[in-house]
Amino acid sequence: MTEEKPLRRSKLDMTLDVLELLMTPQLKTHTFFKCNLSYTNLMEILQELEEKQLVRRFNKNYSRFKKDCESKKTWYQTTDKGLEAVFCYKTIKDILR
């Protein structure tokens, strides 16, 4: 018998997807697409993660095509506390399998 996966992800799973992706700095737009979240869900998750100091926000120059068009963009990255949370979650998940 094959195990069926739920059609919807839990908020915890969505949050962990965001934390794992943000282990390398990402723009909000990239995070939104790569984690397959609605804008509303992403903003709620990012706000919660920032309040808990699991993610940090910073501004950095970003130029995708030409150096003449540089502009400051807001980036997000998982903090050390966030990395610890990801590690703990993965450990628990492995134990429960």
N, C-alpha and C. Protein backbone atom coordinates (compact mmCIF):
# COMPACT_ATOMS: atom_id res chain seq x y z
N MET A 1 0.84 -1.18 0.00
CA MET A 1 0.00 0.00 0.00
C MET A 1 0.89 1.25 0.00
N THR A 2 0.59 2.18 -0.86
CA THR A 2 1.38 3.41 -0.93
C THR A 2 0.80 4.45 0.02
N GLU A 3 1.70 5.23 0.55
CA GLU A 3 1.28 6.28 1.49
C GLU A 3 0.84 7.50 0.71
N GLU A 4 -0.35 8.01 0.99
CA GLU A 4 -0.85 9.19 0.30
C GLU A 4 -0.35 10.45 0.98
N LYS A 5 0.03 11.41 0.17
CA LYS A 5 0.48 12.69 0.70
C LYS A 5 -0.71 13.64 0.75
N PRO A 6 -0.77 14.47 1.78
CA PRO A 6 -1.87 15.44 1.84
C PRO A 6 -1.75 16.43 0.68
N LEU A 7 -2.88 16.90 0.20
CA LEU A 7 -2.89 17.84 -0.92
C LEU A 7 -2.40 19.23 -0.52
N ARG A 8 -2.57 19.58 0.74
CA ARG A 8 -2.18 20.89 1.22
C ARG A 8 -1.05 20.75 2.23
N ARG A 9 -0.16 21.73 2.21
CA ARG A 9 0.93 21.75 3.19
C ARG A 9 0.45 22.45 4.46
N SER A 10 0.97 22.01 5.57
CA SER A 10 0.65 22.68 6.83
C SER A 10 1.43 24.00 6.88
N LYS A 11 1.03 24.88 7.77
CA LYS A 11 1.74 26.15 7.92
C LYS A 11 3.17 25.89 8.37
N LEU A 12 3.37 24.88 9.20
CA LEU A 12 4.72 24.54 9.65
C LEU A 12 5.58 24.12 8.46
N ASP A 13 5.04 23.29 7.56
CA ASP A 13 5.79 22.87 6.39
C ASP A 13 6.14 24.06 5.49
N MET A 14 5.18 24.98 5.31
CA MET A 14 5.44 26.17 4.50
C MET A 14 6.53 27.03 5.14
N THR A 15 6.46 27.18 6.45
CA THR A 15 7.44 27.98 7.18
C THR A 15 8.83 27.37 7.06
N LEU A 16 8.91 26.06 7.19
CA LEU A 16 10.21 25.39 7.07
C LEU A 16 10.75 25.46 5.65
N ASP A 17 9.88 25.41 4.66
CA ASP A 17 10.32 25.59 3.27
C ASP A 17 10.98 26.96 3.11
N VAL A 18 10.37 27.98 3.69
CA VAL A 18 10.90 29.34 3.61
C VAL A 18 12.25 29.41 4.34
N LEU A 19 12.32 28.87 5.55
CA LEU A 19 13.57 28.90 6.31
C LEU A 19 14.70 28.19 5.57
N GLU A 20 14.39 27.04 4.98
CA GLU A 20 15.41 26.29 4.25
C GLU A 20 15.88 27.06 3.01
N LEU A 21 14.96 27.66 2.28
CA LEU A 21 15.33 28.42 1.09
C LEU A 21 16.19 29.62 1.47
N LEU A 22 15.84 30.27 2.57
CA LEU A 22 16.54 31.49 2.97
C LEU A 22 17.88 31.22 3.65
N MET A 23 18.33 29.99 3.61
CA MET A 23 19.67 29.70 4.11
C MET A 23 20.69 30.43 3.23
N THR A 24 20.32 30.69 2.00
CA THR A 24 21.08 31.60 1.13
C THR A 24 20.19 32.82 0.91
N PRO A 25 20.76 34.02 0.94
CA PRO A 25 19.94 35.23 0.81
C PRO A 25 19.08 35.20 -0.45
N GLN A 26 17.83 35.63 -0.30
CA GLN A 26 16.88 35.64 -1.40
C GLN A 26 16.06 36.92 -1.38
N LEU A 27 15.63 37.33 -2.56
CA LEU A 27 14.65 38.41 -2.66
C LEU A 27 13.28 37.85 -2.35
N LYS A 28 12.38 38.70 -1.91
CA LYS A 28 11.02 38.27 -1.57
C LYS A 28 10.35 37.58 -2.76
N THR A 29 10.51 38.16 -3.95
CA THR A 29 9.87 37.60 -5.15
C THR A 29 10.37 36.18 -5.43
N HIS A 30 11.68 35.98 -5.31
CA HIS A 30 12.24 34.65 -5.55
C HIS A 30 11.72 33.65 -4.53
N THR A 31 11.61 34.08 -3.29
CA THR A 31 11.11 33.21 -2.22
C THR A 31 9.67 32.82 -2.49
N PHE A 32 8.89 33.78 -2.89
CA PHE A 32 7.47 33.60 -3.18
C PHE A 32 7.28 32.53 -4.28
N PHE A 33 8.07 32.60 -5.34
CA PHE A 33 7.93 31.62 -6.42
C PHE A 33 8.54 30.26 -6.08
N LYS A 34 9.74 30.27 -5.52
CA LYS A 34 10.44 29.00 -5.23
C LYS A 34 9.74 28.17 -4.17
N CYS A 35 9.07 28.82 -3.23
CA CYS A 35 8.34 28.09 -2.18
C CYS A 35 6.89 27.82 -2.56
N ASN A 36 6.48 28.34 -3.71
CA ASN A 36 5.13 28.12 -4.21
C ASN A 36 4.07 28.56 -3.18
N LEU A 37 4.19 29.82 -2.77
CA LEU A 37 3.26 30.38 -1.78
C LEU A 37 2.52 31.57 -2.38
N SER A 38 1.37 31.87 -1.83
CA SER A 38 0.69 33.09 -2.21
C SER A 38 1.43 34.25 -1.54
N TYR A 39 1.26 35.44 -2.08
CA TYR A 39 1.92 36.61 -1.52
C TYR A 39 1.49 36.82 -0.07
N THR A 40 0.21 36.65 0.19
CA THR A 40 -0.33 36.84 1.54
C THR A 40 0.30 35.87 2.52
N ASN A 41 0.38 34.60 2.13
CA ASN A 41 1.00 33.59 3.01
C ASN A 41 2.46 33.91 3.27
N LEU A 42 3.18 34.28 2.21
CA LEU A 42 4.61 34.59 2.37
C LEU A 42 4.81 35.77 3.31
N MET A 43 4.03 36.83 3.14
CA MET A 43 4.19 38.01 3.99
C MET A 43 3.89 37.68 5.46
N GLU A 44 2.88 36.88 5.69
CA GLU A 44 2.53 36.47 7.05
C GLU A 44 3.68 35.66 7.66
N ILE A 45 4.21 34.72 6.89
CA ILE A 45 5.30 33.87 7.38
C ILE A 45 6.56 34.69 7.64
N LEU A 46 6.92 35.57 6.69
CA LEU A 46 8.12 36.39 6.88
C LEU A 46 8.01 37.30 8.10
N GLN A 47 6.83 37.88 8.30
CA GLN A 47 6.63 38.76 9.46
C GLN A 47 6.81 37.96 10.76
N GLU A 48 6.20 36.79 10.80
CA GLU A 48 6.31 35.94 11.99
C GLU A 48 7.76 35.51 12.24
N LEU A 49 8.46 35.14 11.18
CA LEU A 49 9.85 34.70 11.32
C LEU A 49 10.76 35.85 11.76
N GLU A 50 10.49 37.05 11.26
CA GLU A 50 11.27 38.21 11.70
C GLU A 50 11.02 38.53 13.16
N GLU A 51 9.77 38.47 13.59
CA GLU A 51 9.43 38.74 14.99
C GLU A 51 10.13 37.76 15.92
N LYS A 52 10.26 36.52 15.47
CA LYS A 52 10.91 35.48 16.29
C LYS A 52 12.42 35.43 16.06
N GLN A 53 12.93 36.36 15.26
CA GLN A 53 14.35 36.48 14.94
C GLN A 53 14.92 35.22 14.30
N LEU A 54 14.11 34.57 13.47
CA LEU A 54 14.56 33.40 12.73
C LEU A 54 15.02 33.79 11.32
N VAL A 55 14.64 34.99 10.89
CA VAL A 55 15.00 35.52 9.58
C VAL A 55 15.39 36.98 9.76
N ARG A 56 16.37 37.42 9.00
CA ARG A 56 16.74 38.84 9.02
C ARG A 56 16.51 39.44 7.65
N ARG A 57 16.21 40.72 7.65
CA ARG A 57 15.98 41.47 6.41
C ARG A 57 17.10 42.49 6.28
N PHE A 58 17.63 42.64 5.06
CA PHE A 58 18.67 43.64 4.84
C PHE A 58 18.57 44.17 3.41
N ASN A 59 19.13 45.35 3.20
CA ASN A 59 19.12 45.98 1.87
C ASN A 59 20.48 45.80 1.23
N LYS A 60 20.46 45.53 -0.06
CA LYS A 60 21.69 45.30 -0.80
C LYS A 60 21.45 45.74 -2.24
N ASN A 61 22.50 46.24 -2.88
CA ASN A 61 22.38 46.60 -4.29
C ASN A 61 22.12 45.35 -5.11
N TYR A 62 21.27 45.51 -6.09
CA TYR A 62 20.91 44.37 -6.95
C TYR A 62 20.79 44.87 -8.38
N SER A 63 21.55 44.25 -9.25
CA SER A 63 21.47 44.58 -10.67
C SER A 63 21.42 43.27 -11.44
N ARG A 64 20.30 43.02 -12.05
CA ARG A 64 20.13 41.75 -12.75
C ARG A 64 20.80 41.77 -14.12
N PHE A 65 20.77 42.92 -14.80
CA PHE A 65 21.27 42.97 -16.16
C PHE A 65 22.46 43.92 -16.33
N LYS A 66 22.27 45.19 -15.99
CA LYS A 66 23.31 46.18 -16.23
C LYS A 66 23.69 46.86 -14.92
N LYS A 67 24.96 47.19 -14.79
CA LYS A 67 25.41 47.87 -13.59
C LYS A 67 24.83 49.28 -13.49
N ASP A 68 24.45 49.85 -14.63
CA ASP A 68 23.88 51.20 -14.64
C ASP A 68 22.53 51.25 -13.92
N CYS A 69 21.85 50.12 -13.84
CA CYS A 69 20.49 50.06 -13.30
C CYS A 69 20.44 49.57 -11.86
N GLU A 70 21.52 49.72 -11.12
CA GLU A 70 21.54 49.21 -9.75
C GLU A 70 20.50 49.90 -8.89
N SER A 71 19.88 49.12 -8.05
CA SER A 71 18.93 49.67 -7.08
C SER A 71 19.02 48.84 -5.81
N LYS A 72 18.62 49.45 -4.72
CA LYS A 72 18.62 48.73 -3.44
C LYS A 72 17.39 47.85 -3.38
N LYS A 73 17.60 46.61 -3.04
CA LYS A 73 16.50 45.64 -2.90
C LYS A 73 16.55 45.07 -1.49
N THR A 74 15.40 44.64 -1.01
CA THR A 74 15.33 44.01 0.31
C THR A 74 15.53 42.51 0.16
N TRP A 75 16.49 41.99 0.89
CA TRP A 75 16.83 40.57 0.87
C TRP A 75 16.46 39.97 2.22
N TYR A 76 16.27 38.66 2.24
CA TYR A 76 15.96 37.93 3.47
C TYR A 76 16.92 36.76 3.61
N GLN A 77 17.31 36.47 4.85
CA GLN A 77 18.21 35.36 5.10
C GLN A 77 17.91 34.76 6.48
N THR A 78 18.04 33.44 6.56
CA THR A 78 17.84 32.72 7.82
C THR A 78 18.96 33.09 8.79
N THR A 79 18.62 33.36 10.03
CA THR A 79 19.61 33.66 11.07
C THR A 79 20.13 32.35 11.67
N ASP A 80 21.11 32.47 12.56
CA ASP A 80 21.63 31.28 13.24
C ASP A 80 20.53 30.58 14.04
N LYS A 81 19.69 31.38 14.66
CA LYS A 81 18.56 30.82 15.41
C LYS A 81 17.61 30.07 14.47
N GLY A 82 17.40 30.60 13.27
CA GLY A 82 16.56 29.95 12.27
C GLY A 82 17.17 28.64 11.78
N LEU A 83 18.51 28.63 11.59
CA LEU A 83 19.20 27.41 11.18
C LEU A 83 19.06 26.32 12.23
N GLU A 84 19.13 26.73 13.49
CA GLU A 84 18.95 25.78 14.59
C GLU A 84 17.54 25.19 14.56
N ALA A 85 16.54 26.02 14.27
CA ALA A 85 15.15 25.55 14.19
C ALA A 85 14.99 24.53 13.06
N VAL A 86 15.61 24.80 11.90
CA VAL A 86 15.54 23.86 10.77
C VAL A 86 16.18 22.54 11.16
N PHE A 87 17.34 22.60 11.80
CA PHE A 87 18.05 21.39 12.22
C PHE A 87 17.19 20.57 13.20
N CYS A 88 16.59 21.24 14.18
CA CYS A 88 15.75 20.55 15.16
C CYS A 88 14.55 19.89 14.49
N TYR A 89 13.92 20.61 13.58
CA TYR A 89 12.75 20.06 12.87
C TYR A 89 13.13 18.82 12.08
N LYS A 90 14.25 18.90 11.35
CA LYS A 90 14.69 17.74 10.55
C LYS A 90 15.02 16.55 11.45
N THR A 91 15.62 16.81 12.60
CA THR A 91 15.96 15.74 13.53
C THR A 91 14.69 15.05 14.02
N ILE A 92 13.71 15.83 14.43
CA ILE A 92 12.44 15.26 14.90
C ILE A 92 11.74 14.49 13.79
N LYS A 93 11.73 15.05 12.61
CA LYS A 93 11.10 14.40 11.46
C LYS A 93 11.76 13.04 11.18
N ASP A 94 13.09 12.98 11.25
CA ASP A 94 13.82 11.72 11.02
C ASP A 94 13.51 10.69 12.11
N ILE A 95 13.39 11.14 13.34
CA ILE A 95 13.09 10.23 14.46
C ILE A 95 11.69 9.62 14.29
N LEU A 96 10.75 10.43 13.83
CA LEU A 96 9.37 9.98 13.72
C LEU A 96 9.08 9.13 12.49
N ARG A 97 9.99 9.05 11.58
CA ARG A 97 9.78 8.25 10.36
C ARG A 97 9.78 6.79 10.65
